[in-house]
Amino acid sequence: MRTLAQIPHPLMRITVSSWNDKYQLRFELDRFEQVFKIGHEEVSGLEEIQAMGAALAESALLRFVNMRDAHQNLNRSSK
């Protein structure tokens, strides 16, 4: 796997990698992560993947909030 770019974001780490003829768009926040895999043939190149990452950032952040809530609720119910 080869890291191609970092997309700036104030809260998350967003990394673009290439592996096995796919781009991996990885969003990370605390202990949570989301990865989108997009085939090289599906996009015109790195600039398009970076634009997709910027466009997906808000919805990924909202998913992280939901993931954190679910994790906290699970911990509360198991006590």
C-alpha atoms as a PDB file:
ATOM      1  CA  MET A   1       0.000   0.000   0.000  1.00  0.00           C
ATOM      2  CA  ARG A   2       1.317   3.417  -0.935  1.00  0.00           C
ATOM      3  CA  THR A   3       0.143   6.679   0.637  1.00  0.00           C
ATOM      4  CA  LEU A   4      -0.548   9.257  -2.057  1.00  0.00           C
ATOM      5  CA  ALA A   5      -1.984  12.247  -0.200  1.00  0.00           C
ATOM      6  CA  GLN A   6      -3.401  13.680   3.007  1.00  0.00           C
ATOM      7  CA  ILE A   7      -6.555  15.779   2.800  1.00  0.00           C
ATOM      8  CA  PRO A   8      -6.550  18.578   5.383  1.00  0.00           C
ATOM      9  CA  HIS A   9      -9.381  18.512   7.930  1.00  0.00           C
ATOM     10  CA  PRO A  10      -9.544  20.124  11.390  1.00  0.00           C
ATOM     11  CA  LEU A  11     -10.860  17.016  13.201  1.00  0.00           C
ATOM     12  CA  MET A  12     -10.101  13.920  11.139  1.00  0.00           C
ATOM     13  CA  ARG A  13      -7.136  12.403   9.402  1.00  0.00           C
ATOM     14  CA  ILE A  14      -8.047  11.758   5.772  1.00  0.00           C
ATOM     15  CA  THR A  15      -5.563   9.678   3.786  1.00  0.00           C
ATOM     16  CA  VAL A  16      -5.563   8.616   0.154  1.00  0.00           C
ATOM     17  CA  SER A  17      -3.685   5.400  -0.586  1.00  0.00           C
ATOM     18  CA  SER A  18      -3.331   3.129  -3.572  1.00  0.00           C
ATOM     19  CA  TRP A  19      -3.294  -0.638  -3.337  1.00  0.00           C
ATOM     20  CA  ASN A  20      -4.339  -3.547  -5.538  1.00  0.00           C
ATOM     21  CA  ASP A  21      -5.677  -1.303  -8.363  1.00  0.00           C
ATOM     22  CA  LYS A  22      -7.885   0.601  -5.917  1.00  0.00           C
ATOM     23  CA  TYR A  23      -7.710   3.935  -4.190  1.00  0.00           C
ATOM     24  CA  GLN A  24      -8.430   3.771  -0.483  1.00  0.00           C
ATOM     25  CA  LEU A  25      -9.961   6.848   1.042  1.00  0.00           C
ATOM     26  CA  ARG A  26      -9.446   6.460   4.806  1.00  0.00           C
ATOM     27  CA  PHE A  27     -11.128   8.650   7.424  1.00  0.00           C
ATOM     28  CA  GLU A  28      -9.860   8.379  11.022  1.00  0.00           C
ATOM     29  CA  LEU A  29     -11.068   9.988  14.229  1.00  0.00           C
ATOM     30  CA  ASP A  30      -9.944   8.758  17.659  1.00  0.00           C
ATOM     31  CA  ARG A  31     -10.296   4.966  17.614  1.00  0.00           C
ATOM     32  CA  PHE A  32     -12.794   4.894  14.743  1.00  0.00           C
ATOM     33  CA  GLU A  33     -12.101   4.625  11.031  1.00  0.00           C
ATOM     34  CA  GLN A  34     -13.962   4.339   7.757  1.00  0.00           C
ATOM     35  CA  VAL A  35     -12.481   3.246   4.445  1.00  0.00           C
ATOM     36  CA  PHE A  36     -13.940   3.731   0.989  1.00  0.00           C
ATOM     37  CA  LYS A  37     -12.398   1.723  -1.856  1.00  0.00           C
ATOM     38  CA  ILE A  38     -12.650   3.086  -5.376  1.00  0.00           C
ATOM     39  CA  GLY A  39     -11.252   1.323  -8.431  1.00  0.00           C
ATOM     40  CA  HIS A  40      -8.618   3.191 -10.427  1.00  0.00           C
ATOM     41  CA  GLU A  41     -10.779   2.808 -13.532  1.00  0.00           C
ATOM     42  CA  GLU A  42     -13.757   4.492 -11.794  1.00  0.00           C
ATOM     43  CA  VAL A  43     -12.091   7.907 -11.505  1.00  0.00           C
ATOM     44  CA  SER A  44      -9.819  10.102 -13.587  1.00  0.00           C
ATOM     45  CA  GLY A  45      -7.031  10.269 -10.992  1.00  0.00           C
ATOM     46  CA  LEU A  46      -5.791  11.528  -7.658  1.00  0.00           C
ATOM     47  CA  GLU A  47      -7.398  14.966  -7.930  1.00  0.00           C
ATOM     48  CA  GLU A  48     -10.852  13.411  -8.322  1.00  0.00           C
ATOM     49  CA  ILE A  49     -10.272  11.134  -5.299  1.00  0.00           C
ATOM     50  CA  GLN A  50      -9.193  14.139  -3.224  1.00  0.00           C
ATOM     51  CA  ALA A  51     -12.347  16.006  -4.269  1.00  0.00           C
ATOM     52  CA  MET A  52     -14.433  12.959  -3.294  1.00  0.00           C
ATOM     53  CA  GLY A  53     -12.704  12.874   0.100  1.00  0.00           C
ATOM     54  CA  ALA A  54     -13.488  16.513   0.747  1.00  0.00           C
ATOM     55  CA  ALA A  55     -17.107  15.968  -0.330  1.00  0.00           C
ATOM     56  CA  LEU A  56     -17.514  12.888   1.908  1.00  0.00           C
ATOM     57  CA  ALA A  57     -15.873  14.450   4.976  1.00  0.00           C
ATOM     58  CA  GLU A  58     -19.055  15.845   6.558  1.00  0.00           C
ATOM     59  CA  SER A  59     -21.042  12.621   6.203  1.00  0.00           C
ATOM     60  CA  ALA A  60     -18.074  10.582   7.480  1.00  0.00           C
ATOM     61  CA  LEU A  61     -17.853  12.858  10.523  1.00  0.00           C
ATOM     62  CA  LEU A  62     -21.567  12.352  11.240  1.00  0.00           C
ATOM     63  CA  ARG A  63     -21.077   8.578  11.008  1.00  0.00           C
ATOM     64  CA  PHE A  64     -18.259   8.852  13.546  1.00  0.00           C
ATOM     65  CA  VAL A  65     -20.611  10.649  15.935  1.00  0.00           C
ATOM     66  CA  ASN A  66     -23.168   7.826  15.500  1.00  0.00           C
ATOM     67  CA  MET A  67     -20.457   5.190  15.971  1.00  0.00           C
ATOM     68  CA  ARG A  68     -19.265   6.860  19.180  1.00  0.00           C
ATOM     69  CA  ASP A  69     -22.847   7.087  20.518  1.00  0.00           C
ATOM     70  CA  ALA A  70     -23.460   3.406  19.755  1.00  0.00           C
ATOM     71  CA  HIS A  71     -20.202   2.436  21.440  1.00  0.00           C
ATOM     72  CA  GLN A  72     -21.009   4.477  24.553  1.00  0.00           C
ATOM     73  CA  ASN A  73     -24.532   3.054  24.736  1.00  0.00           C
ATOM     74  CA  LEU A  74     -23.150  -0.465  24.453  1.00  0.00           C
ATOM     75  CA  ASN A  75     -20.733   0.191  27.307  1.00  0.00           C
ATOM     76  CA  ARG A  76     -23.522   1.621  29.487  1.00  0.00           C
ATOM     77  CA  SER A  77     -25.875  -1.297  28.873  1.00  0.00           C
ATOM     78  CA  SER A  78     -23.219  -3.900  29.679  1.00  0.00           C
ATOM     79  CA  LYS A  79     -22.638  -2.496  33.179  1.00  0.00           C
END
